[in-house]
Amino acid sequence: MALTKKDLVLMVAKDTGVTQVDVKRVIQRCLDHLVGSLKEGKTVELRNFGVFKVRQRAPRRGRNPKTGQEVPVPPKRVVVFKPGLLMRQDIK
């Protein structure tokens, strides 16, 4: 089962006593700034959590699974995440 944004809002609101509306607004603004920074090509580093980066994928040859025909796959930008040391230790 996945942790949703709503679940996160409920947990933070319960822990802090702040209203769900305010918590949701803060979480959404954080996510908006994170995405905005990645769109600008910046690296987002959250200490003890991890690092988000944008990488350029090279063009390649793909294959249509239905027909078997080769098709070109254009280059594209993808977000990669590398967990921080504390996260890696906690998840083990």
Protein backbone atom coordinates (compact mmCIF):
# COMPACT_ATOMS: atom_id res chain seq x y z
CA MET A 1 0.00 0.00 0.00
CA ALA A 2 1.32 3.42 -0.95
CA LEU A 3 1.62 6.45 1.29
CA THR A 4 -0.42 9.21 -0.35
CA LYS A 5 -0.15 12.95 0.04
CA LYS A 6 -3.42 12.86 1.98
CA ASP A 7 -1.95 10.29 4.41
CA LEU A 8 1.09 12.50 4.88
CA VAL A 9 -1.10 15.55 5.52
CA LEU A 10 -3.13 13.64 8.11
CA MET A 11 -0.02 12.39 9.94
CA VAL A 12 1.66 15.82 10.04
CA ALA A 13 -1.56 17.55 11.12
CA LYS A 14 -2.03 15.04 13.93
CA ASP A 15 1.61 15.32 15.09
CA THR A 16 1.75 19.11 15.00
CA GLY A 17 -1.79 20.24 15.81
CA VAL A 18 -1.82 22.38 12.66
CA THR A 19 -4.95 22.24 10.52
CA GLN A 20 -5.03 19.83 7.59
CA VAL A 21 -5.68 22.70 5.19
CA ASP A 22 -2.54 24.53 6.32
CA VAL A 23 -0.42 21.37 6.28
CA LYS A 24 -1.63 20.51 2.77
CA ARG A 25 -0.81 24.03 1.58
CA VAL A 26 2.73 23.84 3.00
CA ILE A 27 3.40 20.37 1.60
CA GLN A 28 2.11 21.39 -1.83
CA ARG A 29 4.28 24.53 -1.86
CA CYS A 30 7.33 22.43 -0.92
CA LEU A 31 6.61 20.03 -3.76
CA ASP A 32 6.01 22.92 -6.19
CA HIS A 33 9.39 24.46 -5.32
CA LEU A 34 11.11 21.07 -5.62
CA VAL A 35 9.65 20.51 -9.09
CA GLY A 36 10.41 24.10 -10.12
CA SER A 37 14.05 23.72 -9.14
CA LEU A 38 14.33 20.45 -11.05
CA LYS A 39 12.77 22.08 -14.13
CA GLU A 40 15.53 24.70 -13.96
CA GLY A 41 18.12 21.91 -13.95
CA LYS A 42 19.09 22.41 -10.31
CA THR A 43 19.96 19.61 -7.90
CA VAL A 44 17.73 19.38 -4.84
CA GLU A 45 19.53 18.07 -1.76
CA LEU A 46 17.58 17.31 1.40
CA ARG A 47 20.09 16.50 4.14
CA ASN A 48 19.63 13.07 5.73
CA PHE A 49 16.96 12.25 3.12
CA GLY A 50 18.49 12.25 -0.35
CA VAL A 51 19.30 14.07 -3.56
CA PHE A 52 17.06 14.65 -6.59
CA LYS A 53 18.77 15.33 -9.94
CA VAL A 54 17.71 15.67 -13.55
CA ARG A 55 19.62 13.53 -16.01
CA GLN A 56 19.54 13.50 -19.79
CA ARG A 57 18.82 10.08 -21.27
CA ALA A 58 20.55 9.37 -24.56
CA PRO A 59 18.51 8.51 -27.64
CA ARG A 60 18.25 4.79 -28.29
CA ARG A 61 16.63 2.16 -30.42
CA GLY A 62 13.49 0.63 -28.95
CA ARG A 63 11.29 -2.15 -30.21
CA ASN A 64 7.53 -2.23 -30.60
CA PRO A 65 6.58 -5.37 -28.62
CA LYS A 66 3.53 -6.00 -30.77
CA THR A 67 5.16 -5.82 -34.20
CA GLY A 68 8.82 -6.31 -33.35
CA GLN A 69 9.65 -3.25 -35.46
CA GLU A 70 12.54 -1.09 -34.27
CA VAL A 71 11.59 2.48 -33.38
CA PRO A 72 13.78 5.41 -32.38
CA VAL A 73 13.36 6.61 -28.79
CA PRO A 74 14.27 10.30 -28.52
CA PRO A 75 16.46 11.71 -25.75
CA LYS A 76 14.61 12.89 -22.67
CA ARG A 77 15.16 14.35 -19.23
CA VAL A 78 14.41 12.11 -16.23
CA VAL A 79 14.47 12.69 -12.49
CA VAL A 80 16.71 10.39 -10.46
CA PHE A 81 16.81 10.04 -6.68
CA LYS A 82 19.73 8.93 -4.57
CA PRO A 83 18.83 8.23 -0.94
CA GLY A 84 20.93 9.81 1.79
CA LEU A 85 23.10 7.86 4.20
CA LEU A 86 20.62 7.95 7.08
CA MET A 87 17.78 6.77 4.84
CA ARG A 88 19.88 3.89 3.54
CA GLN A 89 20.76 2.88 7.10
CA ASP A 90 17.15 3.13 8.33
CA ILE A 91 15.71 1.08 5.46
CA LYS A 92 18.14 -1.84 5.77
